[in-house]
Amino acid sequence: MADMSPFFRRGTAKSPRERLVTLIRKPGCHLCDDAQIVIEKVCADLGVPWEQKDITQDPQLHDQYWEQIPVVLVDGAQHTFWRVNEDRLRKALTG
């Protein structure tokens, strides 16, 4: 049996449980707290796992994202920074 052509495979989307949202934050940041509330809500609704990383504990994250805190990654790619839009995050995780 021949392999399925790439044309048919490319439309395969990840299920919500295969996704990962990462919040890069720092202690005492009110925008980070606001972002976490949105992430917790959307991820709970969709069954998507999420994690948070402290920028003050990771020199690489600090160098890359310090001026953009909080930063939200979806599957390791930057989704947004400063403010998290609930509808936009939901679309990124379900689209």
Protein backbone atom coordinates (compact mmCIF):
# COMPACT_ATOMS: atom_id res chain seq x y z
CA MET A 1 0.00 0.00 0.00
CA ALA A 2 1.42 3.40 -0.96
CA ASP A 3 1.90 6.19 1.59
CA MET A 4 -0.80 8.81 1.80
CA SER A 5 0.11 11.82 -0.31
CA PRO A 6 1.35 14.94 1.51
CA PHE A 7 -1.69 16.77 0.16
CA PHE A 8 -3.99 14.72 2.40
CA ARG A 9 -1.72 14.72 5.47
CA ARG A 10 -1.17 18.42 5.70
CA GLY A 11 -4.67 19.24 6.95
CA THR A 12 -4.19 17.18 10.10
CA ALA A 13 -4.66 19.50 13.08
CA LYS A 14 -3.46 18.86 16.60
CA SER A 15 -6.10 18.03 19.16
CA PRO A 16 -6.31 20.45 22.12
CA ARG A 17 -4.57 17.93 24.40
CA GLU A 18 -1.56 17.90 22.07
CA ARG A 19 -1.14 21.67 22.41
CA LEU A 20 0.86 23.49 25.09
CA VAL A 21 0.52 27.08 26.26
CA THR A 22 3.48 28.62 28.07
CA LEU A 23 3.25 31.81 30.10
CA ILE A 24 6.60 33.53 30.57
CA ARG A 25 6.25 35.84 33.54
CA LYS A 26 8.03 37.50 36.43
CA PRO A 27 7.09 37.85 40.10
CA GLY A 28 5.01 40.89 41.08
CA CYS A 29 3.82 41.61 37.53
CA HIS A 30 0.14 42.62 37.39
CA LEU A 31 -0.02 42.11 33.61
CA CYS A 32 1.33 38.59 34.17
CA ASP A 33 -1.43 37.93 36.70
CA ASP A 34 -4.03 39.18 34.21
CA ALA A 35 -2.56 36.97 31.47
CA GLN A 36 -2.62 33.94 33.75
CA ILE A 37 -6.33 34.41 34.46
CA VAL A 38 -7.13 34.36 30.72
CA ILE A 39 -4.84 31.39 30.06
CA GLU A 40 -6.31 29.38 32.95
CA LYS A 41 -9.85 30.01 31.69
CA VAL A 42 -9.22 29.22 28.02
CA CYS A 43 -7.06 26.17 28.73
CA ALA A 44 -9.58 24.79 31.22
CA ASP A 45 -12.42 25.27 28.73
CA LEU A 46 -10.50 23.51 25.95
CA GLY A 47 -8.62 20.90 27.98
CA VAL A 48 -5.26 22.33 26.89
CA PRO A 49 -2.28 21.94 29.24
CA TRP A 50 -0.34 25.05 30.20
CA GLU A 51 2.79 25.91 32.12
CA GLN A 52 4.49 29.00 33.44
CA LYS A 53 8.14 29.95 33.46
CA ASP A 54 9.79 32.61 35.61
CA ILE A 55 11.90 34.88 33.43
CA THR A 56 14.10 35.80 36.41
CA GLN A 57 15.20 32.16 36.72
CA ASP A 58 16.17 31.59 33.06
CA PRO A 59 18.91 33.74 31.46
CA GLN A 60 17.93 32.72 27.92
CA LEU A 61 14.27 33.68 28.42
CA HIS A 62 15.39 36.89 30.12
CA ASP A 63 17.56 37.89 27.17
CA GLN A 64 14.89 37.02 24.62
CA TYR A 65 11.71 38.35 26.23
CA TRP A 66 12.52 40.80 29.06
CA GLU A 67 10.94 43.83 27.35
CA GLN A 68 7.77 41.95 26.39
CA ILE A 69 6.66 40.36 29.68
CA PRO A 70 4.25 38.65 29.94
CA VAL A 71 4.81 36.53 26.85
CA VAL A 72 2.53 33.69 25.76
CA LEU A 73 3.82 30.83 23.63
CA VAL A 74 1.62 28.30 21.88
CA ASP A 75 3.49 25.09 21.10
CA GLY A 76 6.78 26.94 21.64
CA ALA A 77 6.05 29.78 19.19
CA GLN A 78 5.33 33.30 20.40
CA HIS A 79 1.59 33.99 20.33
CA THR A 80 1.41 37.38 22.05
CA PHE A 81 2.90 39.64 24.70
CA TRP A 82 1.75 42.21 27.29
CA ARG A 83 -1.99 41.52 27.02
CA VAL A 84 -3.72 38.24 26.21
CA ASN A 85 -6.91 38.36 24.16
CA GLU A 86 -9.18 35.48 25.16
CA ASP A 87 -10.83 35.07 21.74
CA ARG A 88 -7.52 35.19 19.87
CA LEU A 89 -5.95 32.58 22.17
CA ARG A 90 -9.00 30.34 21.85
CA LYS A 91 -8.82 30.56 18.03
CA ALA A 92 -5.09 29.77 18.05
CA LEU A 93 -5.76 26.62 20.06
CA THR A 94 -8.74 25.38 18.08
CA GLY A 95 -7.91 26.50 14.55
